Amino acid sequence: MGLVPSPACSREPMVMGSRGVRAVKAAGGTVIVQDPATAEFRGMPQPAIGTGAVDFVLPLGSIASAIDRIVRRH
């Protein structure tokens, strides 16, 4: 599992988010993206989802428990 910082911190937010997703997957990681329906800025998760390399698209309230389950499996 890898963590990609919020693309909001980048000068090229959409490029950095999708590059980070691909890098995490290439390294064998698990990618979790916030469900756009629960995001404050609904367009932000879309580039990551559009890569086709996302394992889970979850509402914000479900992400922590998903990470916990993934960590416990490894």
N, C-alpha and C. Protein backbone atom coordinates (compact mmCIF):
# COMPACT_ATOMS: atom_id res chain seq x y z
N MET A 1 0.85 -1.16 0.00
CA MET A 1 0.00 0.00 0.00
C MET A 1 0.89 1.22 0.00
N GLY A 2 0.52 2.20 -0.78
CA GLY A 2 1.24 3.46 -0.82
C GLY A 2 0.27 4.61 -0.65
N LEU A 3 0.79 5.72 -0.27
CA LEU A 3 -0.05 6.90 -0.11
C LEU A 3 0.39 7.96 -1.10
N VAL A 4 -0.56 8.52 -1.80
CA VAL A 4 -0.28 9.60 -2.73
C VAL A 4 -0.86 10.86 -2.12
N PRO A 5 -0.03 11.89 -1.92
CA PRO A 5 -0.56 13.12 -1.33
C PRO A 5 -1.67 13.71 -2.18
N SER A 6 -2.51 14.48 -1.56
CA SER A 6 -3.58 15.14 -2.28
C SER A 6 -3.01 15.93 -3.44
N PRO A 7 -3.60 15.78 -4.63
CA PRO A 7 -3.12 16.55 -5.76
C PRO A 7 -3.31 18.05 -5.58
N ALA A 8 -4.07 18.46 -4.61
CA ALA A 8 -4.29 19.89 -4.38
C ALA A 8 -2.99 20.59 -4.00
N CYS A 9 -1.99 19.82 -3.56
CA CYS A 9 -0.72 20.40 -3.14
C CYS A 9 0.23 20.62 -4.31
N SER A 10 -0.11 20.15 -5.47
CA SER A 10 0.79 20.16 -6.61
C SER A 10 0.50 21.31 -7.57
N ARG A 11 1.49 21.66 -8.35
CA ARG A 11 1.28 22.66 -9.41
C ARG A 11 0.50 22.06 -10.56
N GLU A 12 0.63 20.77 -10.77
CA GLU A 12 -0.09 20.06 -11.83
C GLU A 12 -0.96 19.00 -11.16
N PRO A 13 -2.05 19.39 -10.52
CA PRO A 13 -2.78 18.46 -9.67
C PRO A 13 -3.26 17.19 -10.36
N MET A 14 -3.82 17.28 -11.54
CA MET A 14 -4.38 16.09 -12.17
C MET A 14 -3.28 15.14 -12.63
N VAL A 15 -2.16 15.70 -13.10
CA VAL A 15 -1.05 14.87 -13.55
C VAL A 15 -0.40 14.16 -12.37
N MET A 16 -0.15 14.88 -11.29
CA MET A 16 0.50 14.28 -10.13
C MET A 16 -0.35 13.18 -9.51
N GLY A 17 -1.64 13.38 -9.43
CA GLY A 17 -2.51 12.36 -8.85
C GLY A 17 -2.48 11.08 -9.66
N SER A 18 -2.61 11.17 -10.97
CA SER A 18 -2.63 9.97 -11.80
C SER A 18 -1.25 9.33 -11.87
N ARG A 19 -0.19 10.12 -11.87
CA ARG A 19 1.17 9.54 -11.84
C ARG A 19 1.40 8.79 -10.54
N GLY A 20 0.95 9.36 -9.45
CA GLY A 20 1.10 8.71 -8.15
C GLY A 20 0.36 7.39 -8.08
N VAL A 21 -0.85 7.36 -8.62
CA VAL A 21 -1.64 6.13 -8.65
C VAL A 21 -0.88 5.06 -9.43
N ARG A 22 -0.39 5.42 -10.60
CA ARG A 22 0.34 4.45 -11.43
C ARG A 22 1.61 3.97 -10.74
N ALA A 23 2.29 4.87 -10.05
CA ALA A 23 3.53 4.50 -9.34
C ALA A 23 3.23 3.52 -8.20
N VAL A 24 2.17 3.78 -7.46
CA VAL A 24 1.80 2.88 -6.36
C VAL A 24 1.46 1.50 -6.92
N LYS A 25 0.68 1.44 -7.99
CA LYS A 25 0.31 0.15 -8.59
C LYS A 25 1.54 -0.57 -9.14
N ALA A 26 2.43 0.17 -9.80
CA ALA A 26 3.64 -0.44 -10.36
C ALA A 26 4.52 -1.05 -9.28
N ALA A 27 4.46 -0.50 -8.08
CA ALA A 27 5.24 -1.02 -6.96
C ALA A 27 4.49 -2.11 -6.20
N GLY A 28 3.32 -2.51 -6.71
CA GLY A 28 2.56 -3.58 -6.06
C GLY A 28 1.62 -3.10 -4.97
N GLY A 29 1.37 -1.81 -4.91
CA GLY A 29 0.53 -1.26 -3.86
C GLY A 29 -0.95 -1.33 -4.15
N THR A 30 -1.73 -0.99 -3.17
CA THR A 30 -3.18 -0.93 -3.25
C THR A 30 -3.59 0.54 -3.32
N VAL A 31 -4.48 0.85 -4.24
CA VAL A 31 -4.91 2.24 -4.42
C VAL A 31 -6.36 2.40 -3.99
N ILE A 32 -6.58 3.30 -3.07
CA ILE A 32 -7.92 3.64 -2.58
C ILE A 32 -8.17 5.10 -2.92
N VAL A 33 -9.30 5.37 -3.53
CA VAL A 33 -9.67 6.73 -3.91
C VAL A 33 -11.01 7.07 -3.27
N GLN A 34 -11.12 8.30 -2.81
CA GLN A 34 -12.39 8.74 -2.24
C GLN A 34 -13.46 8.80 -3.32
N ASP A 35 -14.63 8.31 -3.00
CA ASP A 35 -15.78 8.36 -3.90
C ASP A 35 -16.09 9.83 -4.21
N PRO A 36 -16.15 10.18 -5.49
CA PRO A 36 -16.43 11.57 -5.83
C PRO A 36 -17.71 12.12 -5.20
N ALA A 37 -18.68 11.26 -4.96
CA ALA A 37 -19.94 11.72 -4.37
C ALA A 37 -19.76 12.23 -2.94
N THR A 38 -18.67 11.82 -2.28
CA THR A 38 -18.44 12.27 -0.90
C THR A 38 -17.32 13.28 -0.81
N ALA A 39 -16.70 13.61 -1.93
CA ALA A 39 -15.57 14.55 -1.93
C ALA A 39 -16.06 15.99 -1.95
N GLU A 40 -15.34 16.86 -1.27
CA GLU A 40 -15.70 18.28 -1.29
C GLU A 40 -15.58 18.84 -2.70
N PHE A 41 -14.53 18.41 -3.40
CA PHE A 41 -14.32 18.80 -4.79
C PHE A 41 -14.46 17.53 -5.63
N ARG A 42 -15.64 17.31 -6.15
CA ARG A 42 -15.98 16.04 -6.78
C ARG A 42 -15.12 15.67 -7.97
N GLY A 43 -14.50 16.65 -8.62
CA GLY A 43 -13.66 16.36 -9.77
C GLY A 43 -12.27 15.85 -9.41
N MET A 44 -11.85 16.06 -8.16
CA MET A 44 -10.48 15.68 -7.80
C MET A 44 -10.20 14.19 -7.89
N PRO A 45 -11.09 13.30 -7.48
CA PRO A 45 -10.78 11.87 -7.57
C PRO A 45 -10.83 11.31 -9.00
N GLN A 46 -11.46 12.03 -9.91
CA GLN A 46 -11.71 11.50 -11.25
C GLN A 46 -10.44 11.10 -12.02
N PRO A 47 -9.38 11.90 -12.02
CA PRO A 47 -8.18 11.48 -12.76
C PRO A 47 -7.60 10.16 -12.24
N ALA A 48 -7.62 9.99 -10.93
CA ALA A 48 -7.13 8.74 -10.36
C ALA A 48 -8.00 7.57 -10.80
N ILE A 49 -9.30 7.75 -10.71
CA ILE A 49 -10.23 6.70 -11.12
C ILE A 49 -10.05 6.40 -12.60
N GLY A 50 -9.82 7.43 -13.39
CA GLY A 50 -9.66 7.28 -14.83
C GLY A 50 -8.44 6.49 -15.26
N THR A 51 -7.48 6.30 -14.35
CA THR A 51 -6.29 5.52 -14.71
C THR A 51 -6.61 4.04 -14.89
N GLY A 52 -7.72 3.60 -14.28
CA GLY A 52 -8.04 2.17 -14.31
C GLY A 52 -7.18 1.36 -13.35
N ALA A 53 -6.39 2.03 -12.53
CA ALA A 53 -5.47 1.35 -11.62
C ALA A 53 -5.91 1.45 -10.16
N VAL A 54 -7.17 1.78 -9.94
CA VAL A 54 -7.70 1.97 -8.59
C VAL A 54 -8.33 0.66 -8.11
N ASP A 55 -7.99 0.28 -6.89
CA ASP A 55 -8.54 -0.96 -6.32
C ASP A 55 -9.89 -0.73 -5.64
N PHE A 56 -10.03 0.41 -4.98
CA PHE A 56 -11.25 0.71 -4.24
C PHE A 56 -11.63 2.17 -4.43
N VAL A 57 -12.91 2.43 -4.64
CA VAL A 57 -13.47 3.78 -4.62
C VAL A 57 -14.48 3.77 -3.48
N LEU A 58 -14.16 4.49 -2.41
CA LEU A 58 -14.95 4.40 -1.18
C LEU A 58 -15.34 5.77 -0.66
N PRO A 59 -16.46 5.83 0.07
CA PRO A 59 -16.79 7.08 0.75
C PRO A 59 -15.73 7.36 1.82
N LEU A 60 -15.52 8.61 2.09
CA LEU A 60 -14.48 9.01 3.04
C LEU A 60 -14.56 8.24 4.36
N GLY A 61 -15.75 8.05 4.88
CA GLY A 61 -15.93 7.37 6.16
C GLY A 61 -15.55 5.90 6.15
N SER A 62 -15.33 5.31 5.00
CA SER A 62 -14.97 3.89 4.90
C SER A 62 -13.50 3.65 4.62
N ILE A 63 -12.76 4.70 4.32
CA ILE A 63 -11.36 4.52 3.90
C ILE A 63 -10.48 4.00 5.05
N ALA A 64 -10.63 4.54 6.24
CA ALA A 64 -9.78 4.12 7.36
C ALA A 64 -9.95 2.64 7.66
N SER A 65 -11.18 2.15 7.68
CA SER A 65 -11.39 0.73 7.97
C SER A 65 -10.87 -0.15 6.83
N ALA A 66 -10.94 0.33 5.60
CA ALA A 66 -10.39 -0.43 4.47
C ALA A 66 -8.87 -0.54 4.60
N ILE A 67 -8.22 0.55 4.98
CA ILE A 67 -6.77 0.52 5.18
C ILE A 67 -6.42 -0.45 6.30
N ASP A 68 -7.19 -0.42 7.37
CA ASP A 68 -6.96 -1.33 8.50
C ASP A 68 -7.05 -2.78 8.04
N ARG A 69 -8.06 -3.12 7.25
CA ARG A 69 -8.21 -4.50 6.76
C ARG A 69 -7.05 -4.90 5.86
N ILE A 70 -6.62 -3.99 5.00
CA ILE A 70 -5.51 -4.29 4.10
C ILE A 70 -4.22 -4.52 4.88
N VAL A 71 -3.95 -3.67 5.86
CA VAL A 71 -2.73 -3.80 6.66
C VAL A 71 -2.74 -5.09 7.43
N ARG A 72 -3.87 -5.48 7.99
CA ARG A 72 -3.97 -6.71 8.78
C ARG A 72 -3.73 -7.95 7.92
N ARG A 73 -4.07 -7.88 6.63
CA ARG A 73 -3.85 -9.02 5.73
C ARG A 73 -2.38 -9.22 5.42
N HIS A 74 -1.60 -8.18 5.51
CA HIS A 74 -0.16 -8.28 5.15
C HIS A 74 0.64 -8.42 6.36
